[in-house]
Amino acid sequence: MKQPIYNTALYLRLSRDDEGAGESNSIATQRMMLRRYAEQNHLFVVDEYIDDGY
């Protein structure tokens, strides 16, 4: 039986420890981890939402 592929979106949130100019390291790390998780679990990422201190 073929595994279904699900559509999903990623939500990345700034850590208070990483507040500063530009995109935080926390956001970059979260993106990497979430994309890896999505790939391993047959999730198709259709969008990405980022709360980087706004």
N, C-alpha and C. Protein backbone atom coordinates (compact mmCIF):
# COMPACT_ATOMS: atom_id res chain seq x y z
N MET A 1 0.84 -1.18 0.00
CA MET A 1 0.00 0.00 0.00
C MET A 1 0.89 1.25 0.00
N LYS A 2 0.56 2.17 -0.86
CA LYS A 2 1.35 3.39 -1.00
C LYS A 2 1.03 4.37 0.14
N GLN A 3 2.09 4.95 0.73
CA GLN A 3 1.94 5.93 1.81
C GLN A 3 1.40 7.24 1.23
N PRO A 4 0.33 7.79 1.81
CA PRO A 4 -0.20 9.07 1.30
C PRO A 4 0.77 10.21 1.62
N ILE A 5 0.75 11.23 0.79
CA ILE A 5 1.54 12.43 1.02
C ILE A 5 0.58 13.51 1.49
N TYR A 6 0.88 14.11 2.63
CA TYR A 6 0.03 15.14 3.22
C TYR A 6 0.62 16.52 3.00
N ASN A 7 -0.25 17.50 2.73
CA ASN A 7 0.17 18.89 2.64
C ASN A 7 0.27 19.46 4.05
N THR A 8 1.29 20.28 4.27
CA THR A 8 1.48 20.89 5.57
C THR A 8 2.16 22.24 5.42
N ALA A 9 2.17 23.00 6.49
CA ALA A 9 2.90 24.27 6.54
C ALA A 9 3.80 24.24 7.77
N LEU A 10 4.90 24.94 7.69
CA LEU A 10 5.83 25.02 8.82
C LEU A 10 5.61 26.34 9.56
N TYR A 11 5.69 26.28 10.88
CA TYR A 11 5.62 27.49 11.70
C TYR A 11 6.91 27.59 12.48
N LEU A 12 7.66 28.66 12.23
CA LEU A 12 8.95 28.87 12.87
C LEU A 12 8.84 30.10 13.77
N ARG A 13 9.32 29.98 15.00
CA ARG A 13 9.13 31.05 15.97
C ARG A 13 10.45 31.44 16.61
N LEU A 14 10.67 32.73 16.75
CA LEU A 14 11.89 33.27 17.34
C LEU A 14 11.97 32.92 18.82
N SER A 15 13.15 32.50 19.23
CA SER A 15 13.43 32.30 20.65
C SER A 15 13.83 33.65 21.25
N ARG A 16 13.40 33.94 22.43
CA ARG A 16 13.78 35.19 23.10
C ARG A 16 15.30 35.30 23.23
N ASP A 17 16.00 34.18 23.32
CA ASP A 17 17.46 34.18 23.45
C ASP A 17 18.15 34.61 22.17
N ASP A 18 17.45 34.56 21.04
CA ASP A 18 18.06 34.84 19.74
C ASP A 18 17.61 36.17 19.13
N GLU A 19 16.96 37.03 19.89
CA GLU A 19 16.49 38.29 19.32
C GLU A 19 17.68 39.12 18.85
N GLY A 20 17.58 39.70 17.65
CA GLY A 20 18.65 40.50 17.10
C GLY A 20 18.35 40.85 15.67
N ALA A 21 19.33 41.41 15.01
CA ALA A 21 19.16 41.82 13.61
C ALA A 21 19.18 40.60 12.69
N GLY A 22 18.36 40.66 11.64
CA GLY A 22 18.33 39.59 10.64
C GLY A 22 17.60 38.36 11.15
N GLU A 23 17.55 37.35 10.31
CA GLU A 23 16.90 36.10 10.68
C GLU A 23 17.76 35.38 11.71
N SER A 24 17.16 34.95 12.78
CA SER A 24 17.91 34.34 13.88
C SER A 24 18.41 32.95 13.55
N ASN A 25 19.43 32.52 14.29
CA ASN A 25 19.94 31.15 14.16
C ASN A 25 18.87 30.15 14.54
N SER A 26 18.04 30.52 15.52
CA SER A 26 16.96 29.66 15.96
C SER A 26 16.02 29.33 14.80
N ILE A 27 15.69 30.32 14.00
CA ILE A 27 14.79 30.12 12.86
C ILE A 27 15.43 29.19 11.85
N ALA A 28 16.69 29.41 11.54
CA ALA A 28 17.40 28.56 10.56
C ALA A 28 17.46 27.11 11.04
N THR A 29 17.72 26.91 12.32
CA THR A 29 17.78 25.56 12.88
C THR A 29 16.42 24.90 12.85
N GLN A 30 15.38 25.64 13.23
CA GLN A 30 14.03 25.09 13.20
C GLN A 30 13.64 24.68 11.79
N ARG A 31 13.96 25.54 10.81
CA ARG A 31 13.63 25.25 9.42
C ARG A 31 14.28 23.93 8.99
N MET A 32 15.55 23.77 9.30
CA MET A 32 16.28 22.56 8.92
C MET A 32 15.63 21.32 9.56
N MET A 33 15.34 21.41 10.86
CA MET A 33 14.77 20.27 11.57
C MET A 33 13.37 19.93 11.07
N LEU A 34 12.54 20.95 10.86
CA LEU A 34 11.17 20.71 10.42
C LEU A 34 11.11 20.18 8.99
N ARG A 35 11.97 20.69 8.12
CA ARG A 35 11.98 20.18 6.74
C ARG A 35 12.45 18.72 6.70
N ARG A 36 13.43 18.38 7.53
CA ARG A 36 13.89 16.99 7.62
C ARG A 36 12.75 16.09 8.12
N TYR A 37 12.05 16.54 9.17
CA TYR A 37 10.93 15.78 9.71
C TYR A 37 9.84 15.58 8.65
N ALA A 38 9.51 16.66 7.93
CA ALA A 38 8.49 16.58 6.89
C ALA A 38 8.88 15.57 5.82
N GLU A 39 10.13 15.61 5.39
CA GLU A 39 10.59 14.68 4.36
C GLU A 39 10.52 13.24 4.84
N GLN A 40 10.95 13.00 6.06
CA GLN A 40 10.97 11.64 6.60
C GLN A 40 9.56 11.09 6.83
N ASN A 41 8.59 11.97 6.98
CA ASN A 41 7.22 11.55 7.28
C ASN A 41 6.25 11.80 6.13
N HIS A 42 6.79 11.97 4.93
CA HIS A 42 5.98 12.10 3.71
C HIS A 42 5.02 13.29 3.78
N LEU A 43 5.49 14.41 4.31
CA LEU A 43 4.69 15.63 4.37
C LEU A 43 5.20 16.59 3.30
N PHE A 44 4.28 17.14 2.51
CA PHE A 44 4.64 18.08 1.46
C PHE A 44 4.45 19.49 2.01
N VAL A 45 5.54 20.24 2.13
CA VAL A 45 5.50 21.58 2.70
C VAL A 45 5.01 22.56 1.64
N VAL A 46 3.83 23.13 1.88
CA VAL A 46 3.24 24.07 0.92
C VAL A 46 3.48 25.52 1.29
N ASP A 47 3.80 25.77 2.58
CA ASP A 47 4.06 27.15 3.00
C ASP A 47 4.86 27.13 4.29
N GLU A 48 5.38 28.29 4.61
CA GLU A 48 6.21 28.47 5.80
C GLU A 48 5.82 29.80 6.45
N TYR A 49 5.52 29.75 7.75
CA TYR A 49 5.17 30.95 8.49
C TYR A 49 6.26 31.21 9.51
N ILE A 50 6.77 32.45 9.54
CA ILE A 50 7.90 32.77 10.40
C ILE A 50 7.55 33.93 11.31
N ASP A 51 7.68 33.72 12.61
CA ASP A 51 7.52 34.77 13.60
C ASP A 51 8.93 35.05 14.13
N ASP A 52 9.62 35.96 13.48
CA ASP A 52 11.01 36.26 13.84
C ASP A 52 11.08 37.61 14.55
N GLY A 53 10.22 37.77 15.57
CA GLY A 53 10.26 38.98 16.38
C GLY A 53 9.37 40.10 15.89
N TYR A 54 8.45 39.85 14.98
CA TYR A 54 7.57 40.91 14.45
C TYR A 54 6.38 41.07 15.35
